[in-house]
């Protein structure tokens, strides 16, 4: 069971889970390709990168937005929907061409966090804003 499902409170439901774009896996592939050339550390870097991405969770419930990181340890960032002030998309040329980007969620005060290398960031923005502003 994922962290997002484990952490649900009463009357809370998972609305969406956001996936990484395939482009996020490119560094791991590069480490694997370089592995035979520079045996040793590159394989460890490839394994670490795989595990880091495998255990990364991005999600949206009807009450909050959640980002969970960590292979063995668990680091989470959560923001209640009522606290969200802006949802921004950061997308370069390559991101526009291939359909990935970063979604930056800013809350009251100085709190913010980012979903990096997210597939279809515009739909992620719409989903977050749609749940946080159901009247729109």
Protein backbone atom coordinates (compact mmCIF):
# COMPACT_ATOMS: atom_id res chain seq x y z
CA UNK A 1 0.00 0.00 0.00
CA UNK A 2 1.31 3.44 -0.87
CA UNK A 3 2.00 6.21 1.61
CA UNK A 4 -0.82 8.31 0.16
CA UNK A 5 -3.37 5.55 0.79
CA UNK A 6 -1.95 4.83 4.27
CA UNK A 7 -2.18 8.47 5.33
CA UNK A 8 -5.84 9.10 4.44
CA UNK A 9 -7.95 10.64 7.19
CA UNK A 10 -11.68 10.18 7.77
CA UNK A 11 -13.76 11.05 4.69
CA UNK A 12 -10.62 11.59 2.60
CA UNK A 13 -10.29 9.99 -0.83
CA UNK A 14 -7.51 9.82 -3.39
CA UNK A 15 -8.55 11.99 -6.34
CA UNK A 16 -5.45 11.57 -8.52
CA UNK A 17 -1.97 10.11 -8.56
CA UNK A 18 0.48 11.92 -10.80
CA UNK A 19 3.10 9.97 -12.69
CA UNK A 20 6.57 10.87 -13.78
CA UNK A 21 7.19 11.41 -17.47
CA UNK A 22 9.45 8.83 -19.14
CA UNK A 23 12.03 11.59 -19.52
CA UNK A 24 12.64 11.42 -15.73
CA UNK A 25 14.20 7.99 -16.23
CA UNK A 26 16.81 9.23 -18.76
CA UNK A 27 19.59 9.84 -16.16
CA UNK A 28 19.27 6.23 -14.99
CA UNK A 29 19.58 4.97 -18.57
CA UNK A 30 22.67 7.11 -19.07
CA UNK A 31 24.25 5.62 -15.93
CA UNK A 32 23.49 2.12 -17.25
CA UNK A 33 25.03 2.91 -20.64
CA UNK A 34 28.14 4.36 -19.00
CA UNK A 35 28.36 1.36 -16.65
CA UNK A 36 30.59 -0.85 -18.85
CA UNK A 37 32.92 2.10 -19.50
CA UNK A 38 33.38 3.15 -15.89
CA UNK A 39 32.56 -0.03 -13.97
CA UNK A 40 31.50 0.29 -10.37
CA UNK A 41 30.04 3.55 -9.24
CA UNK A 42 27.86 4.12 -12.30
CA UNK A 43 25.92 0.92 -11.62
CA UNK A 44 25.36 2.06 -8.04
CA UNK A 45 24.17 5.45 -9.32
CA UNK A 46 21.79 3.75 -11.75
CA UNK A 47 20.35 1.55 -8.99
CA UNK A 48 20.00 4.55 -6.67
CA UNK A 49 18.26 6.59 -9.39
CA UNK A 50 15.86 3.73 -10.12
CA UNK A 51 14.94 3.32 -6.45
CA UNK A 52 14.63 7.09 -5.93
CA UNK A 53 12.13 7.39 -8.76
CA UNK A 54 10.32 4.15 -7.88
CA UNK A 55 9.58 5.32 -4.33
CA UNK A 56 8.55 8.87 -5.30
CA UNK A 57 4.82 9.57 -4.92
CA UNK A 58 2.78 12.57 -6.10
CA UNK A 59 -0.88 12.66 -5.26
CA UNK A 60 -4.05 14.62 -4.72
CA UNK A 61 -6.87 13.87 -2.32
CA UNK A 62 -10.09 15.75 -1.74
CA UNK A 63 -8.35 17.51 1.19
CA UNK A 64 -4.63 17.92 0.33
CA UNK A 65 -1.77 17.64 -2.12
CA UNK A 66 0.99 15.17 -1.19
CA UNK A 67 4.61 14.68 -2.23
CA UNK A 68 6.47 11.71 -0.72
CA UNK A 69 10.18 11.02 -1.21
CA UNK A 70 12.54 8.45 0.22
CA UNK A 71 13.78 4.94 -0.38
CA UNK A 72 14.20 3.81 3.21
CA UNK A 73 13.49 7.07 5.00
CA UNK A 74 10.24 8.90 4.40
CA UNK A 75 10.10 12.64 3.69
CA UNK A 76 6.70 14.08 2.94
CA UNK A 77 5.38 17.46 1.97
CA UNK A 78 1.67 18.04 2.25
CA UNK A 79 -0.51 21.07 1.74
CA UNK A 80 -4.18 21.43 2.51
CA UNK A 81 -6.23 22.50 -0.50
CA UNK A 82 -7.54 25.55 1.37
CA UNK A 83 -3.94 26.76 1.81
CA UNK A 84 -3.04 26.71 -1.90
CA UNK A 85 -2.56 30.16 -3.40
CA UNK A 86 -1.02 29.38 -6.80
CA UNK A 87 -0.23 26.42 -9.00
CA UNK A 88 2.50 27.27 -11.53
CA UNK A 89 3.92 25.33 -14.46
CA UNK A 90 7.62 25.55 -15.32
CA UNK A 91 8.30 24.06 -18.72
CA UNK A 92 11.27 24.52 -21.02
CA UNK A 93 11.43 23.88 -24.74
CA UNK A 94 12.22 20.16 -24.37
CA UNK A 95 9.42 19.85 -21.82
CA UNK A 96 6.94 21.49 -24.19
CA UNK A 97 7.97 19.20 -27.03
CA UNK A 98 7.83 15.98 -25.01
CA UNK A 99 4.98 16.93 -22.65
CA UNK A 100 6.59 17.12 -19.23
CA UNK A 101 7.45 19.84 -16.74
CA UNK A 102 7.53 21.01 -13.16
CA UNK A 103 4.42 21.95 -11.20
CA UNK A 104 5.11 24.39 -8.37
CA UNK A 105 2.44 24.66 -5.67
CA UNK A 106 2.62 27.73 -3.45
CA UNK A 107 0.68 28.08 -0.25
CA UNK A 108 0.09 30.75 2.33
CA UNK A 109 3.25 32.23 3.76
CA UNK A 110 6.47 30.88 2.32
CA UNK A 111 5.46 27.25 1.96
CA UNK A 112 5.75 25.67 -1.45
CA UNK A 113 6.83 22.44 -3.08
CA UNK A 114 7.38 21.11 -6.57
CA UNK A 115 6.49 18.06 -8.62
CA UNK A 116 9.47 17.66 -10.98
CA UNK A 117 9.39 15.86 -14.34
CA UNK A 118 5.63 15.37 -14.18
CA UNK A 119 3.81 13.99 -17.19
CA UNK A 120 1.29 16.46 -18.66
CA UNK A 121 1.74 19.30 -16.14
CA UNK A 122 -1.24 21.26 -17.50
CA UNK A 123 -3.65 18.45 -16.55
CA UNK A 124 -2.01 18.23 -13.10
CA UNK A 125 -2.60 21.97 -12.64
CA UNK A 126 -6.23 21.60 -13.74
CA UNK A 127 -6.83 18.67 -11.37
CA UNK A 128 -5.37 20.52 -8.38
CA UNK A 129 -7.25 23.72 -9.12
CA UNK A 130 -10.45 21.79 -9.87
CA UNK A 131 -10.45 20.09 -6.47
CA UNK A 132 -9.35 23.18 -4.53
CA UNK A 133 -11.99 25.39 -6.26
CA UNK A 134 -15.00 23.13 -6.87
CA UNK A 135 -17.30 26.10 -7.58
CA UNK A 136 -15.29 27.14 -10.67
